[in-house]
Amino acid sequence: MESGVEPSELRRFVTHTERMVSPKAVAGLYGRAEMLARMPMPLQRWIVAHARGEEYMGFVVEPYCLFLAYEVRDEAAAARLLPPDYRLVPTAMFAEEEPRYCAILGAFNIHTSVFWGARVELYLIAENTRTGMLTWVICDYESNTINYDPGEGFSGATTSRAVITTSHTGEVIIDVRSKDRPNHLEVTAAVPRGTMRALDQRLWIDGNLSVDYGGRLMHVGSDPFGLIFDPGEMAQALSIPLDAVEVAQNTFDPQFRADEPFSVACFPYAQHFLTTSYPQPSPIHDKRALEDAVRTHAQQAT
């Protein structure tokens, strides 16, 4: 899929996104988030609703993030994790792949304006019946840095181990373990075995314009949020063959998904996003509006 964003505009957007991330500022926010985590949830939500400051934050996913798609085997159990007004819909990670009800695990290193570290997220792919938008619904996560979600508010690191890295042999190596929950993901994937394939555009473009929280992270009344990015970043990714992927452990919600993934994707480059500093609805609902937003932010960077 061709992007309508000019190369020079993309470079300005990337630079603008990276410049919004300050290691010093991120370090200062860690203690503040831990302090907020001790406050009652109603007060946390009030603070978020009335927060003032930068509207957008830079959000950079570092190279070799990995996504594992599992078929949902128990639709009723999975649907119970969705917020109101959502329904599971079949999808696929790559174009021309058979659509299925999907639970996707994403593992990535990130640096943003407000947190910096490693993160594993469990998503259900659903449709918002009010808006018709395909949505990545975050139902669980583990992270070695600060977090905020509508259901549980602010928190510090949730992991006892958080390894997401690569080796000189071309392997992505993941070993992320929760310190309080049974969640444990241990995966090795051979990147040189992968081939670049076209991605399913509704999942990777439309889905990233509508992101919401489910399961323990859900709070009725919160709004989905969206990401701003060059849609060309979602044109293709490495498809890693299943025999090149070893999943030694995956205990993220095994009760409703298949035991083994049916598709594995890896992005061998950094991905640059802008999003609102706290979750709020996005007016962007299609590729054209997304490209316009990238151009606008690129112009602001000059």
Protein backbone atom coordinates (compact mmCIF):
# COMPACT_ATOMS: atom_id res chain seq x y z
CA MET A 1 0.00 0.00 0.00
CA GLU A 2 1.40 3.36 -1.03
CA SER A 3 1.50 6.11 1.56
CA GLY A 4 0.45 9.62 0.59
CA VAL A 5 3.00 11.08 3.02
CA GLU A 6 6.05 12.49 1.24
CA PRO A 7 9.47 11.18 2.38
CA SER A 8 10.49 14.63 3.62
CA GLU A 9 7.25 14.89 5.63
CA LEU A 10 7.84 11.46 7.11
CA ARG A 11 11.37 12.39 8.18
CA ARG A 12 10.07 15.53 9.91
CA PHE A 13 7.32 13.51 11.62
CA VAL A 14 9.83 10.89 12.82
CA THR A 15 12.19 13.57 14.12
CA HIS A 16 9.32 15.40 15.82
CA THR A 17 8.17 12.16 17.53
CA GLU A 18 11.67 11.31 18.77
CA ARG A 19 12.31 14.86 20.02
CA MET A 20 9.27 14.60 22.27
CA VAL A 21 10.98 11.83 24.28
CA SER A 22 13.34 13.01 27.04
CA PRO A 23 15.11 10.44 29.26
CA LYS A 24 15.33 13.03 32.04
CA ALA A 25 11.59 13.78 31.90
CA VAL A 26 10.71 10.08 31.83
CA ALA A 27 12.90 9.41 34.87
CA GLY A 28 11.18 12.19 36.79
CA LEU A 29 7.72 10.79 36.03
CA TYR A 30 8.38 7.33 37.50
CA GLY A 31 8.22 8.46 41.12
CA ARG A 32 5.20 10.65 40.42
CA ALA A 33 3.30 7.70 38.92
CA GLU A 34 4.09 5.53 41.95
CA MET A 35 2.76 8.29 44.20
CA LEU A 36 -0.45 8.59 42.16
CA ALA A 37 -0.88 4.80 42.31
CA ARG A 38 -1.40 5.08 46.09
CA MET A 39 -4.37 7.41 45.67
CA PRO A 40 -8.00 6.17 45.51
CA MET A 41 -9.14 5.29 41.99
CA PRO A 42 -11.82 8.04 41.79
CA LEU A 43 -9.14 10.62 42.57
CA GLN A 44 -6.77 9.12 39.99
CA ARG A 45 -9.49 9.34 37.33
CA TRP A 46 -10.26 12.94 38.32
CA ILE A 47 -6.59 13.86 37.98
CA VAL A 48 -6.40 12.25 34.54
CA ALA A 49 -9.60 13.96 33.40
CA HIS A 50 -8.32 17.38 34.52
CA ALA A 51 -4.64 16.97 33.62
CA ARG A 52 -2.99 19.87 31.82
CA GLY A 53 0.16 19.80 29.77
CA GLU A 54 1.21 18.51 26.36
CA GLU A 55 -1.78 17.13 24.47
CA TYR A 56 0.30 14.56 22.57
CA MET A 57 3.16 12.31 23.49
CA GLY A 58 5.78 10.66 21.31
CA PHE A 59 5.47 6.87 21.28
CA VAL A 60 8.28 4.92 19.61
CA VAL A 61 8.22 1.14 19.24
CA GLU A 62 11.78 -0.06 18.79
CA PRO A 63 12.85 -2.49 16.02
CA TYR A 64 12.01 -6.21 16.13
CA CYS A 65 8.75 -6.03 18.05
CA LEU A 66 6.98 -9.38 17.74
CA PHE A 67 3.28 -10.22 17.42
CA LEU A 68 1.84 -13.71 17.85
CA ALA A 69 -1.74 -14.36 16.70
CA TYR A 70 -3.75 -17.12 18.36
CA GLU A 71 -7.14 -18.37 17.26
CA VAL A 72 -9.89 -17.84 19.83
CA ARG A 73 -11.39 -21.24 20.65
CA ASP A 74 -13.91 -20.16 23.31
CA GLU A 75 -15.70 -17.13 21.89
CA ALA A 76 -18.01 -16.72 24.87
CA ALA A 77 -15.10 -16.61 27.35
CA ALA A 78 -13.20 -14.12 25.20
CA ALA A 79 -16.28 -11.93 24.68
CA ARG A 80 -16.70 -11.57 28.44
CA LEU A 81 -13.45 -9.57 28.49
CA LEU A 82 -14.73 -6.99 26.01
CA PRO A 83 -16.17 -3.62 27.03
CA PRO A 84 -19.87 -2.97 26.34
CA ASP A 85 -20.76 -2.33 22.68
CA TYR A 86 -17.99 -4.54 21.29
CA ARG A 87 -18.17 -7.83 19.43
CA LEU A 88 -15.45 -10.22 18.31
CA VAL A 89 -14.82 -10.18 14.56
CA PRO A 90 -12.58 -12.41 12.42
CA THR A 91 -9.33 -10.89 11.23
CA ALA A 92 -5.86 -11.86 10.01
CA MET A 93 -2.43 -10.36 10.51
CA PHE A 94 -1.39 -10.68 6.86
CA ALA A 95 -3.31 -10.04 3.67
CA GLU A 96 -4.73 -13.20 2.06
CA GLU A 97 -4.56 -15.04 5.39
CA GLU A 98 -7.72 -16.79 6.58
CA PRO A 99 -9.64 -14.48 8.96
CA ARG A 100 -10.23 -15.92 12.43
CA TYR A 101 -11.32 -14.70 15.82
CA CYS A 102 -8.00 -13.45 17.18
CA ALA A 103 -6.12 -13.02 20.41
CA ILE A 104 -2.80 -11.32 19.67
CA LEU A 105 0.22 -11.01 21.96
CA GLY A 106 2.58 -8.13 21.25
CA ALA A 107 6.05 -7.91 22.79
CA PHE A 108 8.10 -4.76 22.31
CA ASN A 109 10.58 -2.27 23.72
CA ILE A 110 9.31 1.30 23.72
CA HIS A 111 10.44 4.80 24.54
CA THR A 112 7.79 7.47 24.97
CA SER A 113 7.33 10.89 26.50
CA VAL A 114 6.10 9.35 29.75
CA PHE A 115 7.53 5.82 30.07
CA TRP A 116 10.45 3.79 28.74
CA GLY A 117 10.91 0.03 28.88
CA ALA A 118 9.64 -3.40 27.82
CA ARG A 119 6.02 -4.43 27.51
CA VAL A 120 3.88 -7.43 26.57
CA GLU A 121 0.21 -6.81 25.76
CA LEU A 122 -2.65 -9.23 25.15
CA TYR A 123 -5.27 -7.97 22.69
CA LEU A 124 -8.64 -9.20 21.49
CA ILE A 125 -9.61 -7.92 18.06
CA ALA A 126 -13.17 -6.63 18.10
CA GLU A 127 -15.51 -4.19 16.40
CA ASN A 128 -17.00 -1.20 18.17
CA THR A 129 -20.69 -1.58 17.35
CA ARG A 130 -21.33 2.14 17.93
CA THR A 131 -18.65 3.39 15.54
CA GLY A 132 -18.01 0.37 13.30
CA MET A 133 -14.27 0.74 13.97
CA LEU A 134 -12.10 -2.34 14.23
CA THR A 135 -10.37 -2.09 17.61
CA TRP A 136 -7.39 -3.55 19.40
CA VAL A 137 -8.79 -4.20 22.89
CA ILE A 138 -5.96 -4.45 25.45
CA CYS A 139 -7.10 -7.07 27.98
CA ASP A 140 -3.88 -7.65 29.92
CA TYR A 141 -0.26 -6.54 30.00
CA GLU A 142 3.01 -6.86 31.86
CA SER A 143 5.64 -4.12 31.86
CA ASN A 144 8.90 -3.18 33.58
CA THR A 145 8.01 0.52 33.59
CA ILE A 146 5.16 2.75 34.77
CA ASN A 147 1.64 2.17 33.48
CA TYR A 148 -1.79 3.73 33.35
CA ASP A 149 -5.08 2.10 32.36
CA PRO A 150 -8.69 3.09 33.12
CA GLY A 151 -9.47 -0.01 35.18
CA GLU A 152 -6.53 -0.06 37.58
CA GLY A 153 -5.09 3.43 37.25
CA PHE A 154 -1.39 4.14 37.72
CA SER A 155 1.11 1.45 38.63
CA GLY A 156 4.81 0.79 38.68
CA ALA A 157 6.57 -2.15 37.06
CA THR A 158 4.58 -5.40 37.11
CA THR A 159 7.37 -7.79 36.09
CA SER A 160 10.00 -9.85 37.86
CA ARG A 161 11.82 -10.31 34.53
CA ALA A 162 11.43 -8.38 31.29
CA VAL A 163 13.76 -9.43 28.48
CA ILE A 164 12.93 -8.44 24.89
CA THR A 165 16.10 -8.40 22.83
CA THR A 166 17.94 -9.79 19.80
CA SER A 167 21.08 -11.86 19.30
CA HIS A 168 23.84 -11.68 16.68
CA THR A 169 22.36 -14.86 15.13
CA GLY A 170 19.21 -12.95 14.27
CA GLU A 171 16.92 -14.27 16.97
CA VAL A 172 14.33 -12.27 18.82
CA ILE A 173 14.52 -13.45 22.44
CA ILE A 174 11.63 -12.79 24.82
CA ASP A 175 11.31 -13.76 28.49
CA VAL A 176 8.76 -11.64 30.35
CA ARG A 177 7.34 -12.79 33.69
CA SER A 178 4.83 -11.13 35.99
CA LYS A 179 5.73 -10.73 39.64
CA ASP A 180 2.10 -10.96 40.83
CA ARG A 181 0.14 -12.85 38.15
CA PRO A 182 0.77 -16.15 36.35
CA ASN A 183 1.58 -14.35 33.09
CA HIS A 184 4.79 -15.60 31.49
CA LEU A 185 5.84 -15.33 27.84
CA GLU A 186 9.04 -17.02 26.70
CA VAL A 187 9.60 -17.02 22.93
CA THR A 188 12.47 -17.27 20.46
CA ALA A 189 11.94 -16.34 16.80
CA ALA A 190 14.48 -16.60 13.96
CA VAL A 191 14.24 -13.31 12.05
CA PRO A 192 16.38 -14.44 9.04
CA ARG A 193 13.73 -17.07 8.29
CA GLY A 194 11.09 -14.39 7.81
CA THR A 195 9.87 -12.90 4.55
CA MET A 196 8.24 -9.50 4.05
CA ARG A 197 4.51 -9.84 3.37
CA ALA A 198 1.64 -7.40 2.97
CA LEU A 199 -0.31 -6.80 6.18
CA ASP A 200 -4.08 -6.83 6.57
CA GLN A 201 -4.85 -3.12 6.30
CA ARG A 202 -8.07 -3.06 8.31
CA LEU A 203 -6.34 -4.67 11.28
CA TRP A 204 -3.14 -2.64 11.24
CA ILE A 205 -4.44 0.76 10.10
CA ASP A 206 -8.09 0.98 11.12
CA GLY A 207 -7.44 -1.05 14.27
CA ASN A 208 -4.74 1.34 15.46
CA LEU A 209 -7.14 4.27 15.09
CA SER A 210 -9.31 2.72 17.81
CA VAL A 211 -7.64 1.15 20.86
CA ASP A 212 -9.56 0.32 24.03
CA TYR A 213 -9.20 -1.60 27.31
CA GLY A 214 -10.97 -4.79 28.39
CA GLY A 215 -10.74 -7.41 31.13
CA ARG A 216 -9.24 -6.15 34.39
CA LEU A 217 -8.13 -2.95 32.62
CA MET A 218 -11.64 -1.90 31.62
CA HIS A 219 -13.61 0.96 33.12
CA VAL A 220 -17.11 1.54 31.77
CA GLY A 221 -17.32 5.09 30.48
CA SER A 222 -13.73 5.40 29.28
CA ASP A 223 -13.19 6.23 25.61
CA PRO A 224 -11.10 4.43 23.00
CA PHE A 225 -8.04 6.31 21.82
CA GLY A 226 -6.18 6.37 18.52
CA LEU A 227 -2.62 6.54 17.23
CA ILE A 228 -1.22 8.90 14.59
CA PHE A 229 1.33 7.33 12.24
CA ASP A 230 2.33 7.10 8.60
CA PRO A 231 0.13 4.29 7.23
CA GLY A 232 3.11 3.19 5.14
CA GLU A 233 4.59 1.77 8.35
CA MET A 234 1.78 -0.79 8.32
CA ALA A 235 2.15 -1.84 4.68
CA GLN A 236 4.21 -4.94 5.40
CA ALA A 237 6.13 -6.86 8.04
CA LEU A 238 8.22 -9.98 8.36
CA SER A 239 6.13 -13.14 8.42
CA ILE A 240 8.08 -15.62 10.56
CA PRO A 241 7.33 -19.28 9.70
CA LEU A 242 5.94 -21.24 12.62
CA ASP A 243 8.79 -23.77 12.53
CA ALA A 244 11.18 -20.83 13.16
CA VAL A 245 9.34 -19.82 16.34
CA GLU A 246 9.71 -21.60 19.68
CA VAL A 247 7.11 -20.72 22.30
CA ALA A 248 8.54 -22.25 25.46
CA GLN A 249 5.95 -20.60 27.74
CA ASN A 250 2.77 -18.61 27.20
CA THR A 251 0.40 -18.43 30.15
CA PHE A 252 -1.50 -15.30 29.06
CA ASP A 253 -5.20 -16.30 29.22
CA PRO A 254 -4.85 -19.87 27.89
CA GLN A 255 -8.47 -20.68 28.69
CA PHE A 256 -9.98 -19.20 25.50
CA ARG A 257 -7.22 -19.41 22.88
CA ALA A 258 -5.44 -22.12 20.90
CA ASP A 259 -2.25 -23.57 22.33
CA GLU A 260 -0.09 -22.52 19.37
CA PRO A 261 -0.03 -19.33 17.29
CA PHE A 262 -1.26 -19.47 13.70
CA SER A 263 0.72 -16.42 12.54
CA VAL A 264 3.79 -14.49 13.72
CA ALA A 265 4.76 -10.98 12.57
CA CYS A 266 7.91 -8.98 13.25
CA PHE A 267 8.60 -5.34 12.39
CA PRO A 268 12.34 -4.93 11.67
CA TYR A 269 12.28 -1.13 11.97
CA ALA A 270 11.22 1.46 14.52
CA GLN A 271 7.60 2.61 14.42
CA HIS A 272 6.79 6.22 15.27
CA PHE A 273 3.42 7.19 16.72
CA LEU A 274 1.80 10.15 18.36
CA THR A 275 -1.07 9.66 20.77
CA THR A 276 -2.84 11.75 23.36
CA SER A 277 -1.10 11.87 26.72
CA TYR A 278 -4.20 10.33 28.34
CA PRO A 279 -6.85 8.21 26.56
CA GLN A 280 -9.39 10.32 24.70
CA PRO A 281 -11.47 9.83 21.54
CA SER A 282 -9.78 10.36 18.18
CA PRO A 283 -11.47 12.16 15.26
CA ILE A 284 -9.35 10.16 12.77
CA HIS A 285 -11.29 7.30 11.19
CA ASP A 286 -9.61 6.61 7.85
CA LYS A 287 -6.31 6.56 5.99
CA ARG A 288 -6.75 10.00 4.37
CA ALA A 289 -7.38 11.73 7.71
CA LEU A 290 -4.43 9.84 9.18
CA GLU A 291 -2.10 11.09 6.45
CA ASP A 292 -3.42 14.64 6.93
CA ALA A 293 -2.65 14.41 10.66
CA VAL A 294 0.91 13.22 9.96
CA ARG A 295 1.44 16.18 7.61
CA THR A 296 0.08 18.63 10.17
CA HIS A 297 2.39 17.38 12.91
CA ALA A 298 5.33 17.30 10.48
CA GLN A 299 4.74 20.96 9.65
CA GLN A 300 4.70 21.83 13.35
CA ALA A 301 8.17 20.29 13.66
CA THR A 302 9.78 22.74 11.22
